[in-house]
Amino acid sequence: MLPNDPAILFSVINTKLRDQYSSLSALCDDLDVSEEEIRSRLASIGREYDPEQNRFR
């Protein structure tokens, strides 16, 4: 289960992307979560996914 707080979610997602997943798509498929939902929740705090860096900035 992912955290509800967007700031904590930002940290958790970036850690998982760094340590376990080669892309946001792979993370979302494995965790059975919507990529759109993750992007939207993190956009609410001004964060966007950078596929070249494989992290939210």
C-alpha atoms as a PDB file:
ATOM      1  CA  MET A   1       0.000   0.000   0.000  1.00  0.00           C
ATOM      2  CA  LEU A   2       1.307   3.422  -0.925  1.00  0.00           C
ATOM      3  CA  PRO A   3       1.171   6.429   1.409  1.00  0.00           C
ATOM      4  CA  ASN A   4      -1.634   8.971   1.012  1.00  0.00           C
ATOM      5  CA  ASP A   5       0.519  12.018   1.756  1.00  0.00           C
ATOM      6  CA  PRO A   6       1.947  13.255  -1.584  1.00  0.00           C
ATOM      7  CA  ALA A   7       5.285  14.332  -0.048  1.00  0.00           C
ATOM      8  CA  ILE A   8       5.837  10.902   1.489  1.00  0.00           C
ATOM      9  CA  LEU A   9       4.606   9.248  -1.713  1.00  0.00           C
ATOM     10  CA  PHE A  10       7.216  11.252  -3.638  1.00  0.00           C
ATOM     11  CA  SER A  11       9.988   9.856  -1.459  1.00  0.00           C
ATOM     12  CA  VAL A  12       8.686   6.274  -1.544  1.00  0.00           C
ATOM     13  CA  ILE A  13       8.184   6.227  -5.321  1.00  0.00           C
ATOM     14  CA  ASN A  14      11.606   7.700  -6.064  1.00  0.00           C
ATOM     15  CA  THR A  15      13.274   5.215  -3.734  1.00  0.00           C
ATOM     16  CA  LYS A  16      11.479   2.316  -5.418  1.00  0.00           C
ATOM     17  CA  LEU A  17      12.369   3.665  -8.869  1.00  0.00           C
ATOM     18  CA  ARG A  18      16.008   3.985  -7.867  1.00  0.00           C
ATOM     19  CA  ASP A  19      16.334   0.630  -6.129  1.00  0.00           C
ATOM     20  CA  GLN A  20      13.864  -1.741  -7.789  1.00  0.00           C
ATOM     21  CA  TYR A  21      12.295  -0.575 -11.058  1.00  0.00           C
ATOM     22  CA  SER A  22      13.603   0.496 -14.444  1.00  0.00           C
ATOM     23  CA  SER A  23      10.540   2.642 -15.190  1.00  0.00           C
ATOM     24  CA  LEU A  24       7.385   4.117 -13.704  1.00  0.00           C
ATOM     25  CA  SER A  25       5.373   1.767 -15.880  1.00  0.00           C
ATOM     26  CA  ALA A  26       7.151  -1.291 -14.432  1.00  0.00           C
ATOM     27  CA  LEU A  27       6.569  -0.041 -10.880  1.00  0.00           C
ATOM     28  CA  CYS A  28       2.869   0.572 -11.510  1.00  0.00           C
ATOM     29  CA  ASP A  29       2.386  -2.812 -13.189  1.00  0.00           C
ATOM     30  CA  ASP A  30       4.107  -4.639 -10.347  1.00  0.00           C
ATOM     31  CA  LEU A  31       2.265  -2.765  -7.581  1.00  0.00           C
ATOM     32  CA  ASP A  32      -1.042  -2.814  -9.491  1.00  0.00           C
ATOM     33  CA  VAL A  33      -1.517   0.951  -9.232  1.00  0.00           C
ATOM     34  CA  SER A  34      -2.550   3.445 -11.876  1.00  0.00           C
ATOM     35  CA  GLU A  35       0.310   5.386 -13.447  1.00  0.00           C
ATOM     36  CA  GLU A  36      -2.127   8.244 -14.038  1.00  0.00           C
ATOM     37  CA  GLU A  37      -3.026   8.332 -10.334  1.00  0.00           C
ATOM     38  CA  ILE A  38       0.632   8.436  -9.257  1.00  0.00           C
ATOM     39  CA  ARG A  39       1.416  11.175 -11.772  1.00  0.00           C
ATOM     40  CA  SER A  40      -1.647  13.172 -10.701  1.00  0.00           C
ATOM     41  CA  ARG A  41      -0.971  12.881  -6.971  1.00  0.00           C
ATOM     42  CA  LEU A  42       2.647  13.945  -7.402  1.00  0.00           C
ATOM     43  CA  ALA A  43       1.709  16.738  -9.833  1.00  0.00           C
ATOM     44  CA  SER A  44      -0.383  18.181  -6.986  1.00  0.00           C
ATOM     45  CA  ILE A  45       2.913  19.025  -5.246  1.00  0.00           C
ATOM     46  CA  GLY A  46       4.640  20.157  -8.431  1.00  0.00           C
ATOM     47  CA  ARG A  47       6.457  16.933  -9.270  1.00  0.00           C
ATOM     48  CA  GLU A  48       6.791  15.460 -12.768  1.00  0.00           C
ATOM     49  CA  TYR A  49       8.214  12.142 -13.899  1.00  0.00           C
ATOM     50  CA  ASP A  50      11.485  12.338 -15.818  1.00  0.00           C
ATOM     51  CA  PRO A  51      11.827   9.084 -17.803  1.00  0.00           C
ATOM     52  CA  GLU A  52      15.481   9.752 -18.685  1.00  0.00           C
ATOM     53  CA  GLN A  53      16.371   9.995 -14.991  1.00  0.00           C
ATOM     54  CA  ASN A  54      13.683   7.482 -13.960  1.00  0.00           C
ATOM     55  CA  ARG A  55      12.547   9.676 -11.103  1.00  0.00           C
ATOM     56  CA  PHE A  56      10.116  12.400 -10.159  1.00  0.00           C
ATOM     57  CA  ARG A  57      11.615  15.875 -10.050  1.00  0.00           C
END
